[in-house]
Amino acid sequence: MSLVVQIRVTPNAKKARWMLNEQGILCCYVTAQPVDGKANKAVIKDLSKRLGLPQNAINLVWGNTERIKRFEIMTDMSMAQFLGYLGIEQQKSLI
């Protein structure tokens, strides 16, 4: 079973963090540059650490060079559990 999430990635941030913006879009700020896939790798590494999953359980399935990306996470957790691991309170618009 897998969970597919859409994430807006902002590279070159001063501080790495996760948040929901005012439109309810999941945003990830990474300090890595958007060069040679470094920002994408930083998102996967951070997700792996926060979720306690191996990095190969997280795949970028769409948006390699776009700000809006889709990641497939090989897990049976719900969206609410996923957001909890990221430290984001549940919002009805996403669940």
C-alpha atoms as a PDB file:
ATOM      1  CA  MET A   1       0.000   0.000   0.000  1.00  0.00           C
ATOM      2  CA  SER A   2       1.226   3.529  -0.660  1.00  0.00           C
ATOM      3  CA  LEU A   3       0.433   7.138   0.077  1.00  0.00           C
ATOM      4  CA  VAL A   4       0.825   9.747  -2.688  1.00  0.00           C
ATOM      5  CA  VAL A   5       1.356  13.308  -1.497  1.00  0.00           C
ATOM      6  CA  GLN A   6       1.685  16.546  -3.389  1.00  0.00           C
ATOM      7  CA  ILE A   7       4.317  18.888  -1.965  1.00  0.00           C
ATOM      8  CA  ARG A   8       5.402  22.394  -2.944  1.00  0.00           C
ATOM      9  CA  VAL A   9       9.198  22.443  -2.544  1.00  0.00           C
ATOM     10  CA  THR A  10      11.118  25.665  -1.963  1.00  0.00           C
ATOM     11  CA  PRO A  11      14.900  25.251  -2.314  1.00  0.00           C
ATOM     12  CA  ASN A  12      17.599  27.595  -0.934  1.00  0.00           C
ATOM     13  CA  ALA A  13      15.618  28.258   2.252  1.00  0.00           C
ATOM     14  CA  LYS A  14      17.431  29.637   5.284  1.00  0.00           C
ATOM     15  CA  LYS A  15      15.873  26.929   7.454  1.00  0.00           C
ATOM     16  CA  ALA A  16      14.425  23.518   6.579  1.00  0.00           C
ATOM     17  CA  ARG A  17      10.784  23.203   7.653  1.00  0.00           C
ATOM     18  CA  TRP A  18       7.342  21.861   6.793  1.00  0.00           C
ATOM     19  CA  MET A  19       4.077  23.786   6.813  1.00  0.00           C
ATOM     20  CA  LEU A  20       0.667  24.165   5.246  1.00  0.00           C
ATOM     21  CA  ASN A  21       0.177  27.462   3.439  1.00  0.00           C
ATOM     22  CA  GLU A  22      -3.049  29.474   3.544  1.00  0.00           C
ATOM     23  CA  GLN A  23      -4.450  27.474   0.596  1.00  0.00           C
ATOM     24  CA  GLY A  24      -3.864  24.201   2.470  1.00  0.00           C
ATOM     25  CA  ILE A  25      -0.952  23.135   0.263  1.00  0.00           C
ATOM     26  CA  LEU A  26       1.792  21.128   1.944  1.00  0.00           C
ATOM     27  CA  CYS A  27       5.067  23.030   1.633  1.00  0.00           C
ATOM     28  CA  CYS A  28       8.614  21.875   2.270  1.00  0.00           C
ATOM     29  CA  TYR A  29      11.468  24.341   2.610  1.00  0.00           C
ATOM     30  CA  VAL A  30      14.934  22.844   2.093  1.00  0.00           C
ATOM     31  CA  THR A  31      18.361  24.457   2.342  1.00  0.00           C
ATOM     32  CA  ALA A  32      19.658  22.511  -0.668  1.00  0.00           C
ATOM     33  CA  GLN A  33      20.006  24.137  -4.061  1.00  0.00           C
ATOM     34  CA  PRO A  34      17.852  23.062  -7.012  1.00  0.00           C
ATOM     35  CA  VAL A  35      20.896  21.732  -8.867  1.00  0.00           C
ATOM     36  CA  ASP A  36      21.400  18.132  -9.993  1.00  0.00           C
ATOM     37  CA  GLY A  37      18.379  16.972  -7.988  1.00  0.00           C
ATOM     38  CA  LYS A  38      19.859  18.072  -4.640  1.00  0.00           C
ATOM     39  CA  ALA A  39      16.627  19.670  -3.431  1.00  0.00           C
ATOM     40  CA  ASN A  40      14.608  16.558  -4.363  1.00  0.00           C
ATOM     41  CA  LYS A  41      17.106  14.356  -2.536  1.00  0.00           C
ATOM     42  CA  ALA A  42      16.896  16.642   0.512  1.00  0.00           C
ATOM     43  CA  VAL A  43      13.100  16.240   0.617  1.00  0.00           C
ATOM     44  CA  ILE A  44      13.393  12.448   0.376  1.00  0.00           C
ATOM     45  CA  LYS A  45      16.081  12.356   3.065  1.00  0.00           C
ATOM     46  CA  ASP A  46      14.034  14.507   5.438  1.00  0.00           C
ATOM     47  CA  LEU A  47      10.855  12.499   4.838  1.00  0.00           C
ATOM     48  CA  SER A  48      12.784   9.290   5.441  1.00  0.00           C
ATOM     49  CA  LYS A  49      14.123  10.582   8.736  1.00  0.00           C
ATOM     50  CA  ARG A  50      10.805  11.967   9.979  1.00  0.00           C
ATOM     51  CA  LEU A  51       8.738   8.948   8.927  1.00  0.00           C
ATOM     52  CA  GLY A  52      11.262   6.331  10.015  1.00  0.00           C
ATOM     53  CA  LEU A  53      11.291   4.748   6.564  1.00  0.00           C
ATOM     54  CA  PRO A  54      14.190   3.847   4.278  1.00  0.00           C
ATOM     55  CA  GLN A  55      14.870   6.368   1.531  1.00  0.00           C
ATOM     56  CA  ASN A  56      14.042   3.798  -1.142  1.00  0.00           C
ATOM     57  CA  ALA A  57      10.457   3.675   0.220  1.00  0.00           C
ATOM     58  CA  ILE A  58       9.956   7.263  -1.007  1.00  0.00           C
ATOM     59  CA  ASN A  59       9.833   7.957  -4.736  1.00  0.00           C
ATOM     60  CA  LEU A  60       9.464  11.173  -6.690  1.00  0.00           C
ATOM     61  CA  VAL A  61       6.795  10.262  -9.246  1.00  0.00           C
ATOM     62  CA  TRP A  62       6.079  13.651 -10.820  1.00  0.00           C
ATOM     63  CA  GLY A  63       7.633  17.120 -10.960  1.00  0.00           C
ATOM     64  CA  ASN A  64      11.365  16.462 -11.090  1.00  0.00           C
ATOM     65  CA  THR A  65      12.086  20.050 -12.186  1.00  0.00           C
ATOM     66  CA  GLU A  66       8.860  21.666 -10.963  1.00  0.00           C
ATOM     67  CA  ARG A  67       8.100  23.337  -7.619  1.00  0.00           C
ATOM     68  CA  ILE A  68       4.992  21.213  -7.147  1.00  0.00           C
ATOM     69  CA  LYS A  69       5.977  17.551  -6.846  1.00  0.00           C
ATOM     70  CA  ARG A  70       4.266  14.253  -6.124  1.00  0.00           C
ATOM     71  CA  PHE A  71       5.926  11.694  -3.916  1.00  0.00           C
ATOM     72  CA  GLU A  72       4.818   8.110  -3.468  1.00  0.00           C
ATOM     73  CA  ILE A  73       5.532   6.761   0.004  1.00  0.00           C
ATOM     74  CA  MET A  74       5.427   3.001   0.493  1.00  0.00           C
ATOM     75  CA  THR A  75       3.499   2.878   3.758  1.00  0.00           C
ATOM     76  CA  ASP A  76       0.051   2.117   5.096  1.00  0.00           C
ATOM     77  CA  MET A  77      -0.199   5.305   7.182  1.00  0.00           C
ATOM     78  CA  SER A  78      -3.079   7.726   6.692  1.00  0.00           C
ATOM     79  CA  MET A  79      -2.708  11.339   5.618  1.00  0.00           C
ATOM     80  CA  ALA A  80      -3.440  12.412   9.210  1.00  0.00           C
ATOM     81  CA  GLN A  81      -0.621  10.208  10.516  1.00  0.00           C
ATOM     82  CA  PHE A  82       1.703  11.500   7.790  1.00  0.00           C
ATOM     83  CA  LEU A  83       1.029  15.121   8.744  1.00  0.00           C
ATOM     84  CA  GLY A  84       1.515  14.248  12.410  1.00  0.00           C
ATOM     85  CA  TYR A  85       5.002  12.895  11.678  1.00  0.00           C
ATOM     86  CA  LEU A  86       5.796  16.202   9.964  1.00  0.00           C
ATOM     87  CA  GLY A  87       4.571  18.138  13.007  1.00  0.00           C
ATOM     88  CA  ILE A  88       1.617  19.623  11.156  1.00  0.00           C
ATOM     89  CA  GLU A  89      -1.796  19.750  12.743  1.00  0.00           C
ATOM     90  CA  GLN A  90      -4.577  18.073  10.837  1.00  0.00           C
ATOM     91  CA  GLN A  91      -6.691  20.220   8.617  1.00  0.00           C
ATOM     92  CA  LYS A  92     -10.016  18.986   7.280  1.00  0.00           C
ATOM     93  CA  SER A  93      -9.255  20.351   3.812  1.00  0.00           C
ATOM     94  CA  LEU A  94      -6.447  17.790   3.334  1.00  0.00           C
ATOM     95  CA  ILE A  95      -7.973  14.766   5.024  1.00  0.00           C
END
